[in-house]
Amino acid sequence: MKYTGSCHCKAVQFEFESPPITDALQCNCSICIRKNAIMSKHCVSAQQFTLLSGKDDLNTYHWGDHDVNHHFCKQCGIYPFHDTLYQPGEYRLNLGCVDNLEPRELTITYFDGRNEL
C-alpha cells in the first residue's frame, strides 16, 4: 500500500510503500517516552520511502551513543521518522504523522528500550 504523511505544519511531507499497517511499536526509552510516539513496527527501506518536501526543514537530534537519527521539523517540532546506525537506509515512521491512520487503534507492541543495553 502507498501511504502519505507529514509533520504538523506540512513543511515535511513524505510517502512510503508498506504492507497494510495493522500493528505498531512503542518504546519506553527516555526520548521515546517523552515524544509518546507510536512507531511503525515494520521498517521501510530507502527504496520504499520518498521525502516529497521539506528536506531543508528537517533537523536531526542525537541522544547518548548517537545510534538513532531522530529527524524532526524545524518549524513545528514534530518528529515524523527516524533511522538508525543498526539498520542504515531503513526508516520507522511516526504513525501519528501518517494520513488516514489511527495509531492508537492498532495492536501496539511495547519495546523496553529503557533497559536495553
PDB file of N, CA and C in Angstrom:
ATOM      1  N   MET A   1       0.833  -1.181   0.000  1.00  0.00           N
ATOM      2  CA  MET A   1       0.000   0.000   0.000  1.00  0.00           C
ATOM      3  C   MET A   1       0.873   1.238   0.000  1.00  0.00           C
ATOM      4  N   LYS A   2       0.362   2.294  -0.599  1.00  0.00           N
ATOM      5  CA  LYS A   2       1.062   3.575  -0.548  1.00  0.00           C
ATOM      6  C   LYS A   2       0.412   4.427   0.534  1.00  0.00           C
ATOM      7  N   TYR A   3       1.250   4.966   1.408  1.00  0.00           N
ATOM      8  CA  TYR A   3       0.812   5.849   2.482  1.00  0.00           C
ATOM      9  C   TYR A   3       1.453   7.210   2.281  1.00  0.00           C
ATOM     10  N   THR A   4       0.803   8.256   2.774  1.00  0.00           N
ATOM     11  CA  THR A   4       1.366   9.599   2.770  1.00  0.00           C
ATOM     12  C   THR A   4       1.347  10.128   4.195  1.00  0.00           C
ATOM     13  N   GLY A   5       2.186  11.114   4.442  1.00  0.00           N
ATOM     14  CA  GLY A   5       2.220  11.690   5.776  1.00  0.00           C
ATOM     15  C   GLY A   5       2.961  13.003   5.781  1.00  0.00           C
ATOM     16  N   SER A   6       2.941  13.645   6.942  1.00  0.00           N
ATOM     17  CA  SER A   6       3.602  14.947   7.071  1.00  0.00           C
ATOM     18  C   SER A   6       3.795  15.273   8.543  1.00  0.00           C
ATOM     19  N   CYS A   7       4.596  16.304   8.774  1.00  0.00           N
ATOM     20  CA  CYS A   7       4.674  16.895  10.106  1.00  0.00           C
ATOM     21  C   CYS A   7       3.400  17.711  10.315  1.00  0.00           C
ATOM     22  N   HIS A   8       3.272  18.372  11.447  1.00  0.00           N
ATOM     23  CA  HIS A   8       2.051  19.130  11.753  1.00  0.00           C
ATOM     24  C   HIS A   8       1.832  20.310  10.815  1.00  0.00           C
ATOM     25  N   CYS A   9       2.889  21.058  10.508  1.00  0.00           N
ATOM     26  CA  CYS A   9       2.741  22.245   9.659  1.00  0.00           C
ATOM     27  C   CYS A   9       2.801  21.920   8.166  1.00  0.00           C
ATOM     28  N   LYS A  10       3.045  20.668   7.853  1.00  0.00           N
ATOM     29  CA  LYS A  10       3.117  20.154   6.477  1.00  0.00           C
ATOM     30  C   LYS A  10       4.335  20.642   5.696  1.00  0.00           C
ATOM     31  N   ALA A  11       5.314  21.214   6.371  1.00  0.00           N
ATOM     32  CA  ALA A  11       6.557  21.579   5.686  1.00  0.00           C
ATOM     33  C   ALA A  11       7.274  20.308   5.228  1.00  0.00           C
ATOM     34  N   VAL A  12       7.248  19.269   6.073  1.00  0.00           N
ATOM     35  CA  VAL A  12       7.865  17.981   5.753  1.00  0.00           C
ATOM     36  C   VAL A  12       6.748  17.032   5.317  1.00  0.00           C
ATOM     37  N   GLN A  13       6.824  16.565   4.079  1.00  0.00           N
ATOM     38  CA  GLN A  13       5.835  15.630   3.549  1.00  0.00           C
ATOM     39  C   GLN A  13       6.565  14.443   2.945  1.00  0.00           C
ATOM     40  N   PHE A  14       5.978  13.277   3.107  1.00  0.00           N
ATOM     41  CA  PHE A  14       6.613  12.046   2.638  1.00  0.00           C
ATOM     42  C   PHE A  14       5.556  11.049   2.194  1.00  0.00           C
ATOM     43  N   GLU A  15       6.018  10.019   1.491  1.00  0.00           N
ATOM     44  CA  GLU A  15       5.169   8.889   1.152  1.00  0.00           C
ATOM     45  C   GLU A  15       6.014   7.630   1.268  1.00  0.00           C
ATOM     46  N   PHE A  16       5.342   6.509   1.463  1.00  0.00           N
ATOM     47  CA  PHE A  16       6.064   5.253   1.558  1.00  0.00           C
ATOM     48  C   PHE A  16       5.158   4.093   1.180  1.00  0.00           C
ATOM     49  N   GLU A  17       5.786   3.006   0.756  1.00  0.00           N
ATOM     50  CA  GLU A  17       5.100   1.762   0.438  1.00  0.00           C
ATOM     51  C   GLU A  17       5.299   0.819   1.606  1.00  0.00           C
ATOM     52  N   SER A  18       4.231   0.134   1.978  1.00  0.00           N
ATOM     53  CA  SER A  18       4.288  -0.778   3.120  1.00  0.00           C
ATOM     54  C   SER A  18       3.151  -1.779   3.002  1.00  0.00           C
ATOM     55  N   PRO A  19       3.335  -2.957   3.573  1.00  0.00           N
ATOM     56  CA  PRO A  19       2.161  -3.813   3.732  1.00  0.00           C
ATOM     57  C   PRO A  19       1.126  -3.042   4.557  1.00  0.00           C
ATOM     58  N   PRO A  20      -0.135  -3.418   4.496  1.00  0.00           N
ATOM     59  CA  PRO A  20      -1.137  -2.712   5.306  1.00  0.00           C
ATOM     60  C   PRO A  20      -0.694  -2.636   6.770  1.00  0.00           C
ATOM     61  N   ILE A  21      -0.816  -1.462   7.350  1.00  0.00           N
ATOM     62  CA  ILE A  21      -0.368  -1.231   8.728  1.00  0.00           C
ATOM     63  C   ILE A  21      -1.482  -1.645   9.678  1.00  0.00           C
ATOM     64  N   THR A  22      -1.212  -2.686  10.455  1.00  0.00           N
ATOM     65  CA  THR A  22      -2.196  -3.190  11.415  1.00  0.00           C
ATOM     66  C   THR A  22      -1.642  -3.210  12.829  1.00  0.00           C
ATOM     67  N   ASP A  23      -0.329  -3.031  12.959  1.00  0.00           N
ATOM     68  CA  ASP A  23       0.279  -3.036  14.282  1.00  0.00           C
ATOM     69  C   ASP A  23       1.355  -1.974  14.360  1.00  0.00           C
ATOM     70  N   ALA A  24       1.814  -1.734  15.571  1.00  0.00           N
ATOM     71  CA  ALA A  24       2.734  -0.625  15.817  1.00  0.00           C
ATOM     72  C   ALA A  24       3.695  -0.995  16.943  1.00  0.00           C
ATOM     73  N   LEU A  25       4.631  -0.103  17.184  1.00  0.00           N
ATOM     74  CA  LEU A  25       5.656  -0.291  18.202  1.00  0.00           C
ATOM     75  C   LEU A  25       5.715   0.965  19.061  1.00  0.00           C
ATOM     76  N   GLN A  26       5.839   0.784  20.363  1.00  0.00           N
ATOM     77  CA  GLN A  26       6.022   1.921  21.261  1.00  0.00           C
ATOM     78  C   GLN A  26       7.139   1.577  22.231  1.00  0.00           C
ATOM     79  N   CYS A  27       8.097   2.480  22.345  1.00  0.00           N
ATOM     80  CA  CYS A  27       9.297   2.279  23.152  1.00  0.00           C
ATOM     81  C   CYS A  27       9.215   3.138  24.412  1.00  0.00           C
ATOM     82  N   ASN A  28       9.866   2.667  25.480  1.00  0.00           N
ATOM     83  CA  ASN A  28       9.852   3.411  26.744  1.00  0.00           C
ATOM     84  C   ASN A  28      11.204   4.023  27.101  1.00  0.00           C
ATOM     85  N   CYS A  29      12.119   4.154  26.115  1.00  0.00           N
ATOM     86  CA  CYS A  29      13.391   4.813  26.430  1.00  0.00           C
ATOM     87  C   CYS A  29      13.111   6.279  26.756  1.00  0.00           C
ATOM     88  N   SER A  30      14.094   6.987  27.249  1.00  0.00           N
ATOM     89  CA  SER A  30      13.868   8.343  27.757  1.00  0.00           C
ATOM     90  C   SER A  30      13.369   9.308  26.684  1.00  0.00           C
ATOM     91  N   ILE A  31      13.824   9.181  25.456  1.00  0.00           N
ATOM     92  CA  ILE A  31      13.350  10.104  24.422  1.00  0.00           C
ATOM     93  C   ILE A  31      11.988   9.679  23.883  1.00  0.00           C
ATOM     94  N   CYS A  32      11.781   8.388  23.662  1.00  0.00           N
ATOM     95  CA  CYS A  32      10.502   7.930  23.109  1.00  0.00           C
ATOM     96  C   CYS A  32       9.344   8.140  24.079  1.00  0.00           C
ATOM     97  N   ILE A  33       9.593   7.943  25.357  1.00  0.00           N
ATOM     98  CA  ILE A  33       8.525   8.134  26.332  1.00  0.00           C
ATOM     99  C   ILE A  33       8.113   9.610  26.378  1.00  0.00           C
ATOM    100  N   ARG A  34       9.061  10.505  26.185  1.00  0.00           N
ATOM    101  CA  ARG A  34       8.741  11.928  26.180  1.00  0.00           C
ATOM    102  C   ARG A  34       8.035  12.344  24.891  1.00  0.00           C
ATOM    103  N   LYS A  35       8.401  11.729  23.765  1.00  0.00           N
ATOM    104  CA  LYS A  35       7.734  12.030  22.496  1.00  0.00           C
ATOM    105  C   LYS A  35       6.357  11.370  22.417  1.00  0.00           C
ATOM    106  N   ASN A  36       6.196  10.248  23.145  1.00  0.00           N
ATOM    107  CA  ASN A  36       4.954   9.485  23.132  1.00  0.00           C
ATOM    108  C   ASN A  36       4.562   9.057  21.724  1.00  0.00           C
ATOM    109  N   ALA A  37       5.552   8.794  20.900  1.00  0.00           N
ATOM    110  CA  ALA A  37       5.287   8.400  19.518  1.00  0.00           C
ATOM    111  C   ALA A  37       4.897   6.930  19.434  1.00  0.00           C
ATOM    112  N   ILE A  38       3.996   6.649  18.524  1.00  0.00           N
ATOM    113  CA  ILE A  38       3.644   5.277  18.170  1.00  0.00           C
ATOM    114  C   ILE A  38       4.260   5.049  16.800  1.00  0.00           C
ATOM    115  N   MET A  39       5.205   4.135  16.734  1.00  0.00           N
ATOM    116  CA  MET A  39       6.031   3.950  15.548  1.00  0.00           C
ATOM    117  C   MET A  39       5.589   2.756  14.715  1.00  0.00           C
ATOM    118  N   SER A  40       5.973   2.792  13.448  1.00  0.00           N
ATOM    119  CA  SER A  40       5.720   1.634  12.592  1.00  0.00           C
ATOM    120  C   SER A  40       6.528   0.457  13.121  1.00  0.00           C
ATOM    121  N   LYS A  41       5.903  -0.684  13.189  1.00  0.00           N
ATOM    122  CA  LYS A  41       6.606  -1.892  13.615  1.00  0.00           C
ATOM    123  C   LYS A  41       7.492  -2.382  12.473  1.00  0.00           C
ATOM    124  N   HIS A  42       7.009  -2.217  11.282  1.00  0.00           N
ATOM    125  CA  HIS A  42       7.706  -2.612  10.067  1.00  0.00           C
ATOM    126  C   HIS A  42       8.651  -1.488   9.648  1.00  0.00           C
ATOM    127  N   CYS A  43       9.889  -1.818   9.362  1.00  0.00           N
ATOM    128  CA  CYS A  43      10.830  -0.832   8.838  1.00  0.00           C
ATOM    129  C   CYS A  43      10.581  -0.650   7.340  1.00  0.00           C
ATOM    130  N   VAL A  44      10.737   0.563   6.884  1.00  0.00           N
ATOM    131  CA  VAL A  44      10.546   0.905   5.480  1.00  0.00           C
ATOM    132  C   VAL A  44      11.919   1.190   4.881  1.00  0.00           C
ATOM    133  N   SER A  45      12.244   0.534   3.788  1.00  0.00           N
ATOM    134  CA  SER A  45      13.553   0.732   3.162  1.00  0.00           C
ATOM    135  C   SER A  45      13.612   2.081   2.449  1.00  0.00           C
ATOM    136  N   ALA A  46      14.818   2.526   2.164  1.00  0.00           N
ATOM    137  CA  ALA A  46      15.012   3.791   1.451  1.00  0.00           C
ATOM    138  C   ALA A  46      14.334   3.750   0.087  1.00  0.00           C
ATOM    139  N   GLN A  47      14.256   2.579  -0.533  1.00  0.00           N
ATOM    140  CA  GLN A  47      13.597   2.442  -1.830  1.00  0.00           C
ATOM    141  C   GLN A  47      12.075   2.582  -1.713  1.00  0.00           C
ATOM    142  N   GLN A  48      11.537   2.317  -0.523  1.00  0.00           N
ATOM    143  CA  GLN A  48      10.093   2.412  -0.301  1.00  0.00           C
ATOM    144  C   GLN A  48       9.677   3.769   0.268  1.00  0.00           C
ATOM    145  N   PHE A  49      10.636   4.612   0.597  1.00  0.00           N
ATOM    146  CA  PHE A  49      10.382   5.890   1.262  1.00  0.00           C
ATOM    147  C   PHE A  49      10.797   7.046   0.361  1.00  0.00           C
ATOM    148  N   THR A  50       9.929   8.038   0.228  1.00  0.00           N
ATOM    149  CA  THR A  50      10.251   9.235  -0.547  1.00  0.00           C
ATOM    150  C   THR A  50       9.927  10.471   0.277  1.00  0.00           C
ATOM    151  N   LEU A  51      10.912  11.314   0.475  1.00  0.00           N
ATOM    152  CA  LEU A  51      10.689  12.611   1.101  1.00  0.00           C
ATOM    153  C   LEU A  51      10.221  13.541  -0.013  1.00  0.00           C
ATOM    154  N   LEU A  52       8.959  13.940   0.031  1.00  0.00           N
ATOM    155  CA  LEU A  52       8.367  14.756  -1.032  1.00  0.00           C
ATOM    156  C   LEU A  52       8.736  16.226  -0.901  1.00  0.00           C
ATOM    157  N   SER A  53       8.815  16.720   0.326  1.00  0.00           N
ATOM    158  CA  SER A  53       9.185  18.123   0.555  1.00  0.00           C
ATOM    159  C   SER A  53       9.699  18.286   1.972  1.00  0.00           C
ATOM    160  N   GLY A  54      10.454  19.341   2.159  1.00  0.00           N
ATOM    161  CA  GLY A  54      10.891  19.691   3.497  1.00  0.00           C
ATOM    162  C   GLY A  54      12.284  19.259   3.891  1.00  0.00           C
ATOM    163  N   LYS A  55      13.101  18.853   2.943  1.00  0.00           N
ATOM    164  CA  LYS A  55      14.458  18.438   3.315  1.00  0.00           C
ATOM    165  C   LYS A  55      15.178  19.525   4.112  1.00  0.00           C
ATOM    166  N   ASP A  56      15.032  20.772   3.695  1.00  0.00           N
ATOM    167  CA  ASP A  56      15.691  21.880   4.397  1.00  0.00           C
ATOM    168  C   ASP A  56      15.004  22.231   5.713  1.00  0.00           C
ATOM    169  N   ASP A  57      13.790  21.723   5.921  1.00  0.00           N
ATOM    170  CA  ASP A  57      13.062  21.970   7.167  1.00  0.00           C
ATOM    171  C   ASP A  57      13.338  20.904   8.220  1.00  0.00           C
ATOM    172  N   LEU A  58      14.070  19.861   7.852  1.00  0.00           N
ATOM    173  CA  LEU A  58      14.388  18.790   8.799  1.00  0.00           C
ATOM    174  C   LEU A  58      15.670  19.080   9.551  1.00  0.00           C
ATOM    175  N   ASN A  59      15.680  18.683  10.805  1.00  0.00           N
ATOM    176  CA  ASN A  59      16.887  18.689  11.604  1.00  0.00           C
ATOM    177  C   ASN A  59      16.970  17.319  12.267  1.00  0.00           C
ATOM    178  N   THR A  60      18.103  16.993  12.825  1.00  0.00           N
ATOM    179  CA  THR A  60      18.302  15.673  13.424  1.00  0.00           C
ATOM    180  C   THR A  60      18.803  15.827  14.846  1.00  0.00           C
ATOM    181  N   TYR A  61      18.188  15.068  15.735  1.00  0.00           N
ATOM    182  CA  TYR A  61      18.600  15.044  17.136  1.00  0.00           C
ATOM    183  C   TYR A  61      19.260  13.698  17.427  1.00  0.00           C
ATOM    184  N   HIS A  62      20.408  13.742  18.084  1.00  0.00           N
ATOM    185  CA  HIS A  62      21.109  12.524  18.519  1.00  0.00           C
ATOM    186  C   HIS A  62      21.172  12.515  20.036  1.00  0.00           C
ATOM    187  N   TRP A  63      20.935  11.364  20.601  1.00  0.00           N
ATOM    188  CA  TRP A  63      20.976  11.206  22.054  1.00  0.00           C
ATOM    189  C   TRP A  63      21.970  10.113  22.390  1.00  0.00           C
ATOM    190  N   GLY A  64      22.637  10.244  23.509  1.00  0.00           N
ATOM    191  CA  GLY A  64      23.503   9.185  24.031  1.00  0.00           C
ATOM    192  C   GLY A  64      24.578   8.759  23.068  1.00  0.00           C
ATOM    193  N   ASP A  65      24.475   7.515  22.604  1.00  0.00           N
ATOM    194  CA  ASP A  65      25.530   6.962  21.753  1.00  0.00           C
ATOM    195  C   ASP A  65      25.350   7.307  20.275  1.00  0.00           C
ATOM    196  N   HIS A  66      24.391   8.173  19.952  1.00  0.00           N
ATOM    197  CA  HIS A  66      24.190   8.674  18.588  1.00  0.00           C
ATOM    198  C   HIS A  66      23.834   7.573  17.594  1.00  0.00           C
ATOM    199  N   ASP A  67      23.190   6.504  18.044  1.00  0.00           N
ATOM    200  CA  ASP A  67      22.862   5.408  17.137  1.00  0.00           C
ATOM    201  C   ASP A  67      21.543   5.597  16.397  1.00  0.00           C
ATOM    202  N   VAL A  68      20.719   6.562  16.837  1.00  0.00           N
ATOM    203  CA  VAL A  68      19.444   6.828  16.178  1.00  0.00           C
ATOM    204  C   VAL A  68      19.427   8.273  15.683  1.00  0.00           C
ATOM    205  N   ASN A  69      19.024   8.447  14.428  1.00  0.00           N
ATOM    206  CA  ASN A  69      18.842   9.774  13.846  1.00  0.00           C
ATOM    207  C   ASN A  69      17.367  10.141  13.987  1.00  0.00           C
ATOM    208  N   HIS A  70      17.046  10.926  14.998  1.00  0.00           N
ATOM    209  CA  HIS A  70      15.677  11.367  15.249  1.00  0.00           C
ATOM    210  C   HIS A  70      15.439  12.620  14.401  1.00  0.00           C
ATOM    211  N   HIS A  71      14.757  12.467  13.277  1.00  0.00           N
ATOM    212  CA  HIS A  71      14.514  13.589  12.378  1.00  0.00           C
ATOM    213  C   HIS A  71      13.256  14.333  12.819  1.00  0.00           C
ATOM    214  N   PHE A  72      13.333  15.666  12.843  1.00  0.00           N
ATOM    215  CA  PHE A  72      12.185  16.465  13.244  1.00  0.00           C
ATOM    216  C   PHE A  72      12.110  17.740  12.413  1.00  0.00           C
ATOM    217  N   CYS A  73      10.915  18.300  12.323  1.00  0.00           N
ATOM    218  CA  CYS A  73      10.694  19.534  11.573  1.00  0.00           C
ATOM    219  C   CYS A  73      11.171  20.727  12.390  1.00  0.00           C
ATOM    220  N   LYS A  74      11.995  21.565  11.786  1.00  0.00           N
ATOM    221  CA  LYS A  74      12.496  22.767  12.461  1.00  0.00           C
ATOM    222  C   LYS A  74      11.396  23.814  12.658  1.00  0.00           C
ATOM    223  N   GLN A  75      10.312  23.709  11.916  1.00  0.00           N
ATOM    224  CA  GLN A  75       9.229  24.693  12.011  1.00  0.00           C
ATOM    225  C   GLN A  75       8.263  24.361  13.148  1.00  0.00           C
ATOM    226  N   CYS A  76       7.741  23.122  13.166  1.00  0.00           N
ATOM    227  CA  CYS A  76       6.705  22.776  14.153  1.00  0.00           C
ATOM    228  C   CYS A  76       7.203  21.816  15.240  1.00  0.00           C
ATOM    229  N   GLY A  77       8.398  21.255  15.077  1.00  0.00           N
ATOM    230  CA  GLY A  77       8.985  20.388  16.095  1.00  0.00           C
ATOM    231  C   GLY A  77       8.536  18.940  16.054  1.00  0.00           C
ATOM    232  N   ILE A  78       7.660  18.585  15.124  1.00  0.00           N
ATOM    233  CA  ILE A  78       7.144  17.223  15.065  1.00  0.00           C
ATOM    234  C   ILE A  78       8.195  16.279  14.487  1.00  0.00           C
ATOM    235  N   TYR A  79       8.209  15.075  15.044  1.00  0.00           N
ATOM    236  CA  TYR A  79       9.158  14.019  14.702  1.00  0.00           C
ATOM    237  C   TYR A  79       8.446  13.006  13.802  1.00  0.00           C
ATOM    238  N   PRO A  80       8.632  13.068  12.478  1.00  0.00           N
ATOM    239  CA  PRO A  80       7.901  12.167  11.592  1.00  0.00           C
ATOM    240  C   PRO A  80       8.545  10.792  11.366  1.00  0.00           C
ATOM    241  N   PHE A  81       9.870  10.682  11.545  1.00  0.00           N
ATOM    242  CA  PHE A  81      10.521   9.388  11.282  1.00  0.00           C
ATOM    243  C   PHE A  81      11.932   9.391  11.850  1.00  0.00           C
ATOM    244  N   HIS A  82      12.515   8.186  11.910  1.00  0.00           N
ATOM    245  CA  HIS A  82      13.917   8.066  12.308  1.00  0.00           C
ATOM    246  C   HIS A  82      14.560   6.908  11.556  1.00  0.00           C
ATOM    247  N   ASP A  83      15.880   6.911  11.544  1.00  0.00           N
ATOM    248  CA  ASP A  83      16.657   5.782  11.048  1.00  0.00           C
ATOM    249  C   ASP A  83      17.787   5.549  12.048  1.00  0.00           C
ATOM    250  N   THR A  84      18.442   4.400  11.930  1.00  0.00           N
ATOM    251  CA  THR A  84      19.461   4.040  12.921  1.00  0.00           C
ATOM    252  C   THR A  84      20.762   3.611  12.257  1.00  0.00           C
ATOM    253  N   LEU A  85      21.814   3.602  13.035  1.00  0.00           N
ATOM    254  CA  LEU A  85      23.089   3.067  12.557  1.00  0.00           C
ATOM    255  C   LEU A  85      23.027   1.548  12.443  1.00  0.00           C
ATOM    256  N   TYR A  86      22.110   0.925  13.201  1.00  0.00           N
ATOM    257  CA  TYR A  86      21.959  -0.528  13.180  1.00  0.00           C
ATOM    258  C   TYR A  86      21.314  -1.012  11.886  1.00  0.00           C
ATOM    259  N   GLN A  87      20.432  -0.184  11.327  1.00  0.00           N
ATOM    260  CA  GLN A  87      19.733  -0.525  10.093  1.00  0.00           C
ATOM    261  C   GLN A  87      19.775   0.678   9.148  1.00  0.00           C
ATOM    262  N   PRO A  88      20.960   1.003   8.612  1.00  0.00           N
ATOM    263  CA  PRO A  88      21.052   2.168   7.731  1.00  0.00           C
ATOM    264  C   PRO A  88      20.137   1.988   6.509  1.00  0.00           C
ATOM    265  N   GLY A  89      19.491   3.079   6.111  1.00  0.00           N
ATOM    266  CA  GLY A  89      18.593   3.022   4.965  1.00  0.00           C
ATOM    267  C   GLY A  89      17.232   2.434   5.280  1.00  0.00           C
ATOM    268  N   GLU A  90      16.952   2.199   6.549  1.00  0.00           N
ATOM    269  CA  GLU A  90      15.655   1.676   6.984  1.00  0.00           C
ATOM    270  C   GLU A  90      15.020   2.708   7.911  1.00  0.00           C
ATOM    271  N   TYR A  91      13.772   3.016   7.675  1.00  0.00           N
ATOM    272  CA  TYR A  91      13.078   4.037   8.454  1.00  0.00           C
ATOM    273  C   TYR A  91      11.937   3.435   9.271  1.00  0.00           C
ATOM    274  N   ARG A  92      11.721   3.995  10.443  1.00  0.00           N
ATOM    275  CA  ARG A  92      10.497   3.763  11.208  1.00  0.00           C
ATOM    276  C   ARG A  92       9.744   5.082  11.169  1.00  0.00           C
ATOM    277  N   LEU A  93       8.451   5.005  10.929  1.00  0.00           N
ATOM    278  CA  LEU A  93       7.630   6.186  10.791  1.00  0.00           C
ATOM    279  C   LEU A  93       6.828   6.432  12.052  1.00  0.00           C
ATOM    280  N   ASN A  94       6.664   7.691  12.412  1.00  0.00           N
ATOM    281  CA  ASN A  94       5.772   8.075  13.486  1.00  0.00           C
ATOM    282  C   ASN A  94       4.366   7.969  12.902  1.00  0.00           C
ATOM    283  N   LEU A  95       3.601   6.973  13.337  1.00  0.00           N
ATOM    284  CA  LEU A  95       2.307   6.707  12.726  1.00  0.00           C
ATOM    285  C   LEU A  95       1.293   7.813  12.978  1.00  0.00           C
ATOM    286  N   GLY A  96       1.549   8.676  13.954  1.00  0.00           N
ATOM    287  CA  GLY A  96       0.707   9.847  14.157  1.00  0.00           C
ATOM    288  C   GLY A  96       0.850  10.859  13.035  1.00  0.00           C
ATOM    289  N   CYS A  97       1.885  10.724  12.221  1.00  0.00           N
ATOM    290  CA  CYS A  97       2.115  11.617  11.086  1.00  0.00           C
ATOM    291  C   CYS A  97       1.598  11.046   9.775  1.00  0.00           C
ATOM    292  N   VAL A  98       1.064   9.833   9.805  1.00  0.00           N
ATOM    293  CA  VAL A  98       0.585   9.170   8.592  1.00  0.00           C
ATOM    294  C   VAL A  98      -0.893   9.511   8.390  1.00  0.00           C
ATOM    295  N   ASP A  99      -1.214   9.955   7.184  1.00  0.00           N
ATOM    296  CA  ASP A  99      -2.581  10.338   6.857  1.00  0.00           C
ATOM    297  C   ASP A  99      -3.530   9.143   6.929  1.00  0.00           C
ATOM    298  N   ASN A 100      -4.748   9.390   7.368  1.00  0.00           N
ATOM    299  CA  ASN A 100      -5.832   8.403   7.376  1.00  0.00           C
ATOM    300  C   ASN A 100      -5.503   7.138   8.151  1.00  0.00           C
ATOM    301  N   LEU A 101      -4.800   7.295   9.258  1.00  0.00           N
ATOM    302  CA  LEU A 101      -4.437   6.167  10.105  1.00  0.00           C
ATOM    303  C   LEU A 101      -4.667   6.568  11.554  1.00  0.00           C
ATOM    304  N   GLU A 102      -5.254   5.686  12.337  1.00  0.00           N
ATOM    305  CA  GLU A 102      -5.484   5.932  13.759  1.00  0.00           C
ATOM    306  C   GLU A 102      -4.523   5.055  14.563  1.00  0.00           C
ATOM    307  N   PRO A 103      -3.338   5.555  14.919  1.00  0.00           N
ATOM    308  CA  PRO A 103      -2.323   4.704  15.544  1.00  0.00           C
ATOM    309  C   PRO A 103      -2.758   4.076  16.859  1.00  0.00           C
ATOM    310  N   ARG A 104      -3.582   4.743  17.634  1.00  0.00           N
ATOM    311  CA  ARG A 104      -3.989   4.187  18.929  1.00  0.00           C
ATOM    312  C   ARG A 104      -5.004   3.059  18.789  1.00  0.00           C
ATOM    313  N   GLU A 105      -5.508   2.848  17.576  1.00  0.00           N
ATOM    314  CA  GLU A 105      -6.430   1.735  17.329  1.00  0.00           C
ATOM    315  C   GLU A 105      -5.700   0.488  16.834  1.00  0.00           C
ATOM    316  N   LEU A 106      -4.397   0.589  16.621  1.00  0.00           N
ATOM    317  CA  LEU A 106      -3.601  -0.543  16.146  1.00  0.00           C
ATOM    318  C   LEU A 106      -3.192  -1.431  17.315  1.00  0.00           C
ATOM    319  N   THR A 107      -2.773  -2.638  17.014  1.00  0.00           N
ATOM    320  CA  THR A 107      -2.186  -3.515  18.020  1.00  0.00           C
ATOM    321  C   THR A 107      -0.771  -3.003  18.284  1.00  0.00           C
ATOM    322  N   ILE A 108      -0.504  -2.599  19.514  1.00  0.00           N
ATOM    323  CA  ILE A 108       0.785  -1.983  19.848  1.00  0.00           C
ATOM    324  C   ILE A 108       1.647  -2.964  20.633  1.00  0.00           C
ATOM    325  N   THR A 109       2.863  -3.175  20.143  1.00  0.00           N
ATOM    326  CA  THR A 109       3.865  -3.951  20.844  1.00  0.00           C
ATOM    327  C   THR A 109       4.733  -2.978  21.610  1.00  0.00           C
ATOM    328  N   TYR A 110       4.939  -3.239  22.889  1.00  0.00           N
ATOM    329  CA  TYR A 110       5.757  -2.358  23.706  1.00  0.00           C
ATOM    330  C   TYR A 110       7.188  -2.893  23.761  1.00  0.00           C
ATOM    331  N   PHE A 111       8.138  -2.003  23.500  1.00  0.00           N
ATOM    332  CA  PHE A 111       9.553  -2.339  23.456  1.00  0.00           C
ATOM    333  C   PHE A 111      10.243  -1.698  24.657  1.00  0.00           C
ATOM    334  N   ASP A 112      10.975  -2.481  25.404  1.00  0.00           N
ATOM    335  CA  ASP A 112      11.651  -1.993  26.606  1.00  0.00           C
ATOM    336  C   ASP A 112      13.016  -1.407  26.245  1.00  0.00           C
ATOM    337  N   GLY A 113      13.000  -0.250  25.576  1.00  0.00           N
ATOM    338  CA  GLY A 113      14.239   0.430  25.205  1.00  0.00           C
ATOM    339  C   GLY A 113      14.969   1.022  26.395  1.00  0.00           C
ATOM    340  N   ARG A 114      14.272   1.251  27.481  1.00  0.00           N
ATOM    341  CA  ARG A 114      14.880   1.817  28.693  1.00  0.00           C
ATOM    342  C   ARG A 114      15.924   0.864  29.270  1.00  0.00           C
ATOM    343  N   ASN A 115      15.670  -0.432  29.171  1.00  0.00           N
ATOM    344  CA  ASN A 115      16.553  -1.405  29.788  1.00  0.00           C
ATOM    345  C   ASN A 115      17.398  -2.198  28.795  1.00  0.00           C
ATOM    346  N   GLU A 116      17.351  -1.838  27.509  1.00  0.00           N
ATOM    347  CA  GLU A 116      18.204  -2.493  26.530  1.00  0.00           C
ATOM    348  C   GLU A 116      19.622  -1.986  26.667  1.00  0.00           C
ATOM    349  N   LEU A 117      20.552  -2.828  26.423  1.00  0.00           N
ATOM    350  CA  LEU A 117      21.975  -2.411  26.501  1.00  0.00           C
ATOM    351  C   LEU A 117      22.461  -1.969  25.166  1.00  0.00           C
TER     352      LEU A 117
END
